[in-house]
């Protein structure tokens, strides 16, 4: 196990790229069927591993070409036990998936020796990424997420990022489980078209609640799986909590979560517009340093984000 000496993204003071919408890219571009939107089973097939390597290589290459840092985010959004049960995987399979996902990122990272990079172990929600469903208590969430985070703690992962969190008790549980495992944690909330969490809670209030319950243990917060139009006004309204928000992984589409659930075709939006949106968000909040994508985005969007925020290579 070797951990990177590179500081975590929020400490660099420089823009750090990450990847786009891995699952939508694997489905709509690479042609894979991903039951339950789970990418981790691809780690165990030759074609799947080749696709994952190709996916990460081209995103890392963009960061390298623009002289920017990069966060390698593991393909483990669904690699927790409830989802493993649905897919027919035992606990030891899920633990192995988390270890294998980080090992693959180490392989790809070795191809970019001059790239400033860190590895994040991706933790997804226990339930649907759009609907909070039956809410857990923070203690139940800590117990649920602990096995995945423990598996990641024995790898080269530098931290964990909980992506598409829909509610605060689950986010609190993730932060506590990460602390118990000795890993830094990042929380990325998703918001609806009104800029609020799917529970209806305002974003700023959610961040403040997690901080209060964990003694500000999360390294920073992010927003993902929403178009900038959905949260721009929320950010513009201001608040002390904005200082804790350091990253964006926006959707290419302006569709609501309900509409995305029903969509049969990919809405990839306009990569150039994505770049312009991120540049505008950076003007509003210069401390937004971690820039990537979510549903519908791919390397074209990340390239435009790099150009718009740091100039051409």
Protein backbone atom coordinates (compact mmCIF):
# COMPACT_ATOMS: atom_id res chain seq x y z
CA UNK A 1 0.00 0.00 0.00
CA UNK A 2 1.41 3.36 -1.07
CA UNK A 3 -0.37 6.62 -0.44
CA UNK A 4 0.33 9.68 -2.56
CA UNK A 5 2.42 12.50 -1.14
CA UNK A 6 0.27 14.96 -3.10
CA UNK A 7 -1.92 17.13 -0.85
CA UNK A 8 -5.66 16.60 -0.95
CA UNK A 9 -7.32 18.81 -3.59
CA UNK A 10 -8.69 21.49 -1.28
CA UNK A 11 -5.18 22.19 0.04
CA UNK A 12 -3.46 22.79 -3.29
CA UNK A 13 -4.95 26.20 -4.09
CA UNK A 14 -5.01 25.08 -7.72
CA UNK A 15 -7.73 23.63 -9.94
CA UNK A 16 -7.78 19.84 -9.88
CA UNK A 17 -9.73 17.93 -12.51
CA UNK A 18 -11.50 14.64 -12.06
CA UNK A 19 -13.45 12.43 -14.46
CA UNK A 20 -16.90 12.77 -15.95
CA UNK A 21 -19.99 10.58 -15.76
CA UNK A 22 -18.38 7.15 -15.67
CA UNK A 23 -21.55 5.05 -15.67
CA UNK A 24 -23.30 6.93 -18.48
CA UNK A 25 -20.10 6.86 -20.53
CA UNK A 26 -19.67 3.12 -20.04
CA UNK A 27 -23.29 2.51 -21.04
CA UNK A 28 -23.79 4.90 -23.93
CA UNK A 29 -20.29 5.09 -25.42
CA UNK A 30 -18.66 1.78 -24.52
CA UNK A 31 -21.88 -0.22 -24.86
CA UNK A 32 -21.88 -2.01 -21.51
CA UNK A 33 -25.00 -3.08 -19.68
CA UNK A 34 -24.64 -1.95 -16.06
CA UNK A 35 -27.36 -3.52 -13.90
CA UNK A 36 -28.16 -1.24 -10.96
CA UNK A 37 -25.80 1.31 -12.56
CA UNK A 38 -22.89 -0.69 -11.08
CA UNK A 39 -19.52 -0.34 -12.83
CA UNK A 40 -17.44 -2.46 -10.44
CA UNK A 41 -18.25 -5.87 -12.05
CA UNK A 42 -16.32 -4.67 -15.11
CA UNK A 43 -13.16 -5.02 -13.04
CA UNK A 44 -13.44 -8.79 -13.44
CA UNK A 45 -13.62 -9.08 -17.23
CA UNK A 46 -10.90 -8.35 -19.77
CA UNK A 47 -13.15 -6.08 -21.83
CA UNK A 48 -14.37 -4.29 -18.75
CA UNK A 49 -10.90 -3.62 -17.38
CA UNK A 50 -9.74 -2.40 -20.79
CA UNK A 51 -12.67 0.02 -20.97
CA UNK A 52 -12.03 1.33 -17.47
CA UNK A 53 -8.34 1.84 -18.24
CA UNK A 54 -9.19 3.70 -21.45
CA UNK A 55 -11.73 5.84 -19.62
CA UNK A 56 -9.33 6.90 -16.87
CA UNK A 57 -6.38 7.37 -19.24
CA UNK A 58 -8.11 9.91 -21.42
CA UNK A 59 -9.32 11.97 -18.47
CA UNK A 60 -5.92 11.90 -16.78
CA UNK A 61 -4.32 12.88 -20.09
CA UNK A 62 -6.44 16.04 -20.19
CA UNK A 63 -5.21 17.09 -16.75
CA UNK A 64 -1.62 16.32 -17.73
CA UNK A 65 -1.90 18.30 -20.97
CA UNK A 66 -3.20 21.36 -19.13
CA UNK A 67 -0.75 21.15 -16.25
CA UNK A 68 -3.54 20.51 -13.75
CA UNK A 69 -3.81 18.01 -10.94
CA UNK A 70 -6.18 15.04 -11.09
CA UNK A 71 -8.39 12.99 -8.76
CA UNK A 72 -8.68 9.34 -9.77
CA UNK A 73 -12.16 8.35 -8.54
CA UNK A 74 -12.73 4.60 -8.20
CA UNK A 75 -15.53 2.72 -9.97
CA UNK A 76 -17.07 1.69 -6.65
CA UNK A 77 -20.18 3.87 -6.37
CA UNK A 78 -22.29 0.72 -6.08
CA UNK A 79 -19.69 -1.43 -4.29
CA UNK A 80 -21.52 -1.70 -0.98
CA UNK A 81 -23.43 -4.67 0.36
CA UNK A 82 -27.09 -3.84 -0.37
CA UNK A 83 -26.19 -3.36 -4.02
CA UNK A 84 -23.97 -6.43 -3.92
CA UNK A 85 -26.93 -8.43 -2.65
CA UNK A 86 -29.07 -7.23 -5.56
CA UNK A 87 -26.33 -8.20 -8.00
CA UNK A 88 -25.56 -11.56 -6.38
CA UNK A 89 -22.18 -10.75 -4.81
CA UNK A 90 -21.10 -11.87 -1.35
CA UNK A 91 -19.36 -9.65 1.17
CA UNK A 92 -15.92 -10.92 0.19
CA UNK A 93 -16.68 -10.08 -3.45
CA UNK A 94 -17.60 -6.51 -2.54
CA UNK A 95 -14.44 -6.08 -0.47
CA UNK A 96 -12.39 -7.43 -3.38
CA UNK A 97 -14.12 -5.05 -5.80
CA UNK A 98 -13.04 -2.07 -3.73
CA UNK A 99 -9.46 -3.31 -3.54
CA UNK A 100 -9.34 -4.17 -7.25
CA UNK A 101 -10.76 -0.77 -8.24
CA UNK A 102 -7.98 1.06 -6.42
CA UNK A 103 -5.34 -1.30 -7.80
CA UNK A 104 -6.49 -0.49 -11.33
CA UNK A 105 -6.19 3.24 -10.61
CA UNK A 106 -2.66 2.68 -9.34
CA UNK A 107 -1.84 0.98 -12.65
CA UNK A 108 -3.20 3.87 -14.69
CA UNK A 109 -1.58 6.49 -12.47
CA UNK A 110 1.82 4.86 -13.04
CA UNK A 111 1.47 5.76 -16.73
CA UNK A 112 1.44 9.48 -15.81
CA UNK A 113 4.54 9.88 -13.60
CA UNK A 114 4.56 13.69 -13.76
CA UNK A 115 0.83 14.11 -13.07
CA UNK A 116 -0.01 15.49 -9.63
CA UNK A 117 -2.73 13.10 -8.58
CA UNK A 118 -4.57 11.53 -5.68
CA UNK A 119 -6.83 8.48 -5.49
CA UNK A 120 -10.32 8.68 -4.06
CA UNK A 121 -12.36 5.66 -3.05
CA UNK A 122 -15.91 6.33 -4.23
CA UNK A 123 -18.71 5.57 -1.78
CA UNK A 124 -22.26 5.69 -3.09
CA UNK A 125 -25.61 5.97 -1.33
CA UNK A 126 -27.23 2.92 0.21
CA UNK A 127 -30.39 3.75 -1.69
CA UNK A 128 -31.13 5.39 -5.00
CA UNK A 129 -28.95 8.33 -5.90
CA UNK A 130 -31.97 10.53 -6.61
CA UNK A 131 -34.44 9.47 -3.92
CA UNK A 132 -33.54 9.33 -0.22
CA UNK A 133 -36.17 6.64 0.31
CA UNK A 134 -36.20 5.25 3.83
CA UNK A 135 -33.79 7.41 5.80
CA UNK A 136 -31.27 5.72 8.09
CA UNK A 137 -30.04 7.13 11.33
CA UNK A 138 -26.46 8.38 11.31
CA UNK A 139 -25.40 5.36 13.39
CA UNK A 140 -27.08 2.94 10.98
CA UNK A 141 -25.39 4.69 8.06
CA UNK A 142 -22.02 4.46 9.79
CA UNK A 143 -22.50 0.72 10.32
CA UNK A 144 -23.64 0.19 6.73
CA UNK A 145 -20.79 2.07 5.05
CA UNK A 146 -18.04 0.89 7.42
CA UNK A 147 -17.21 -2.40 5.58
CA UNK A 148 -16.64 -0.67 2.24
CA UNK A 149 -14.59 2.10 3.81
CA UNK A 150 -12.52 -0.43 5.78
CA UNK A 151 -11.77 -2.26 2.53
CA UNK A 152 -10.67 1.00 0.95
CA UNK A 153 -8.53 1.90 3.96
CA UNK A 154 -6.26 -1.03 3.22
CA UNK A 155 -5.46 0.25 -0.27
CA UNK A 156 -3.63 3.21 -1.82
CA UNK A 157 -6.78 5.34 -1.60
CA UNK A 158 -5.86 8.74 -0.18
CA UNK A 159 -9.42 9.53 0.91
CA UNK A 160 -13.03 8.57 0.28
CA UNK A 161 -15.65 10.62 -1.52
CA UNK A 162 -19.31 9.93 -0.83
CA UNK A 163 -20.98 10.83 -4.11
CA UNK A 164 -24.67 11.61 -4.65
CA UNK A 165 -25.57 11.85 -1.00
CA UNK A 166 -29.27 12.66 -0.69
CA UNK A 167 -29.58 13.26 3.05
CA UNK A 168 -27.58 14.38 6.06
CA UNK A 169 -27.79 11.33 8.38
CA UNK A 170 -26.16 9.16 5.73
CA UNK A 171 -23.48 11.78 5.09
CA UNK A 172 -22.76 11.99 8.81
CA UNK A 173 -22.47 8.20 8.98
CA UNK A 174 -19.97 8.14 6.11
CA UNK A 175 -17.79 10.80 7.73
CA UNK A 176 -17.79 8.90 11.02
CA UNK A 177 -17.02 5.56 9.34
CA UNK A 178 -14.15 7.13 7.44
CA UNK A 179 -12.76 8.64 10.62
CA UNK A 180 -12.89 5.26 12.35
CA UNK A 181 -10.99 3.74 9.42
CA UNK A 182 -8.38 6.49 9.41
CA UNK A 183 -9.34 7.92 6.02
CA UNK A 184 -10.22 11.54 5.20
CA UNK A 185 -13.75 11.97 3.85
CA UNK A 186 -15.39 14.25 1.30
CA UNK A 187 -19.16 14.58 0.99
CA UNK A 188 -20.84 15.37 -2.32
CA UNK A 189 -24.54 16.17 -2.09
CA UNK A 190 -26.98 16.01 -4.97
CA UNK A 191 -29.69 18.64 -5.31
CA UNK A 192 -32.97 18.92 -7.15
CA UNK A 193 -33.89 21.65 -9.65
CA UNK A 194 -34.63 24.00 -6.74
CA UNK A 195 -31.11 23.66 -5.32
CA UNK A 196 -32.30 21.67 -2.29
CA UNK A 197 -31.46 18.11 -1.33
CA UNK A 198 -34.02 15.45 -2.35
CA UNK A 199 -35.24 15.59 1.27
CA UNK A 200 -36.12 19.26 0.74
CA UNK A 201 -33.36 20.48 3.03
CA UNK A 202 -31.44 23.56 1.86
CA UNK A 203 -27.88 22.73 0.79
CA UNK A 204 -26.24 25.17 3.19
CA UNK A 205 -28.23 23.80 6.11
CA UNK A 206 -27.19 20.25 5.17
CA UNK A 207 -23.50 21.15 5.11
CA UNK A 208 -23.79 22.94 8.45
CA UNK A 209 -25.60 19.95 9.99
CA UNK A 210 -22.93 17.49 8.89
CA UNK A 211 -20.20 19.79 10.18
CA UNK A 212 -21.93 20.23 13.54
CA UNK A 213 -22.41 16.48 13.99
CA UNK A 214 -18.84 15.54 13.03
CA UNK A 215 -16.79 18.44 14.40
CA UNK A 216 -16.10 19.54 10.80
CA UNK A 217 -14.36 16.24 10.08
CA UNK A 218 -15.24 16.23 6.36
CA UNK A 219 -12.33 17.71 4.44
CA UNK A 220 -14.68 19.55 2.10
CA UNK A 221 -18.04 19.29 0.35
CA UNK A 222 -19.11 19.04 -3.28
CA UNK A 223 -22.25 19.11 -5.42
CA UNK A 224 -22.88 16.44 -8.02
CA UNK A 225 -25.59 15.07 -10.31
CA UNK A 226 -27.32 18.40 -10.97
CA UNK A 227 -27.01 20.99 -13.73
CA UNK A 228 -25.45 24.34 -12.75
CA UNK A 229 -28.81 25.99 -13.46
CA UNK A 230 -30.24 23.97 -10.59
CA UNK A 231 -27.90 25.34 -7.93
CA UNK A 232 -26.51 28.61 -9.30
CA UNK A 233 -29.01 30.75 -7.37
CA UNK A 234 -28.31 28.80 -4.19
CA UNK A 235 -24.61 29.60 -4.48
CA UNK A 236 -25.29 33.22 -5.40
CA UNK A 237 -27.37 33.68 -2.25
CA UNK A 238 -24.19 33.30 -0.21
CA UNK A 239 -23.54 32.11 3.33
CA UNK A 240 -20.59 31.10 5.48
CA UNK A 241 -21.13 27.45 4.48
CA UNK A 242 -19.95 28.25 0.95
CA UNK A 243 -16.37 28.22 2.24
CA UNK A 244 -16.77 24.48 2.78
CA UNK A 245 -17.84 23.85 -0.81
CA UNK A 246 -14.76 23.05 -2.90
CA UNK A 247 -15.94 20.92 -5.81
CA UNK A 248 -18.53 20.47 -8.56
CA UNK A 249 -19.44 17.42 -10.63
CA UNK A 250 -22.39 18.73 -12.63
CA UNK A 251 -24.71 16.96 -15.05
CA UNK A 252 -24.64 17.84 -18.73
CA UNK A 253 -28.44 17.77 -18.81
CA UNK A 254 -30.90 20.25 -17.37
CA UNK A 255 -33.44 17.45 -16.84
CA UNK A 256 -34.71 16.78 -13.34
CA UNK A 257 -33.80 13.55 -11.59
CA UNK A 258 -37.28 12.19 -12.33
CA UNK A 259 -36.87 12.99 -16.01
CA UNK A 260 -33.39 11.45 -16.10
CA UNK A 261 -34.79 8.26 -14.60
CA UNK A 262 -37.23 7.99 -17.50
CA UNK A 263 -34.80 9.02 -20.26
CA UNK A 264 -33.91 6.33 -22.79
CA UNK A 265 -31.32 8.42 -24.63
CA UNK A 266 -28.30 10.23 -23.26
CA UNK A 267 -28.57 14.00 -22.94
CA UNK A 268 -24.95 15.07 -23.31
CA UNK A 269 -25.75 18.77 -23.37
CA UNK A 270 -23.10 21.09 -24.81
CA UNK A 271 -19.49 20.56 -23.65
CA UNK A 272 -18.62 24.18 -24.44
CA UNK A 273 -21.52 25.39 -22.32
CA UNK A 274 -20.33 23.17 -19.47
CA UNK A 275 -16.93 24.83 -19.63
CA UNK A 276 -18.49 28.30 -19.58
CA UNK A 277 -20.75 27.36 -16.67
CA UNK A 278 -17.77 26.19 -14.63
CA UNK A 279 -15.82 29.34 -15.40
CA UNK A 280 -18.78 31.38 -14.15
CA UNK A 281 -19.06 29.29 -10.99
CA UNK A 282 -15.35 29.78 -10.37
CA UNK A 283 -15.80 33.55 -10.66
CA UNK A 284 -18.52 33.34 -8.01
CA UNK A 285 -16.51 31.01 -5.77
CA UNK A 286 -12.78 31.01 -6.54
CA UNK A 287 -12.21 28.25 -3.98
CA UNK A 288 -14.06 25.74 -6.19
CA UNK A 289 -11.00 23.66 -7.00
CA UNK A 290 -12.23 20.13 -7.83
CA UNK A 291 -13.94 20.14 -11.21
CA UNK A 292 -15.45 17.09 -12.86
CA UNK A 293 -18.69 15.81 -14.31
CA UNK A 294 -21.61 13.54 -13.61
CA UNK A 295 -24.43 12.09 -15.73
CA UNK A 296 -24.03 12.74 -19.44
CA UNK A 297 -20.57 14.27 -19.23
CA UNK A 298 -17.45 12.70 -20.69
CA UNK A 299 -13.90 13.67 -21.61
CA UNK A 300 -15.17 16.35 -24.02
CA UNK A 301 -16.83 18.22 -21.17
CA UNK A 302 -13.77 17.88 -18.94
CA UNK A 303 -11.58 19.20 -21.76
CA UNK A 304 -13.80 22.26 -22.09
CA UNK A 305 -13.75 22.79 -18.33
CA UNK A 306 -9.96 22.73 -18.43
CA UNK A 307 -9.84 25.23 -21.30
CA UNK A 308 -12.40 27.55 -19.75
CA UNK A 309 -10.84 27.62 -16.31
CA UNK A 310 -7.12 27.42 -17.07
CA UNK A 311 -6.71 28.29 -20.74
CA UNK A 312 -5.66 26.04 -23.64
CA UNK A 313 -2.81 23.59 -23.28
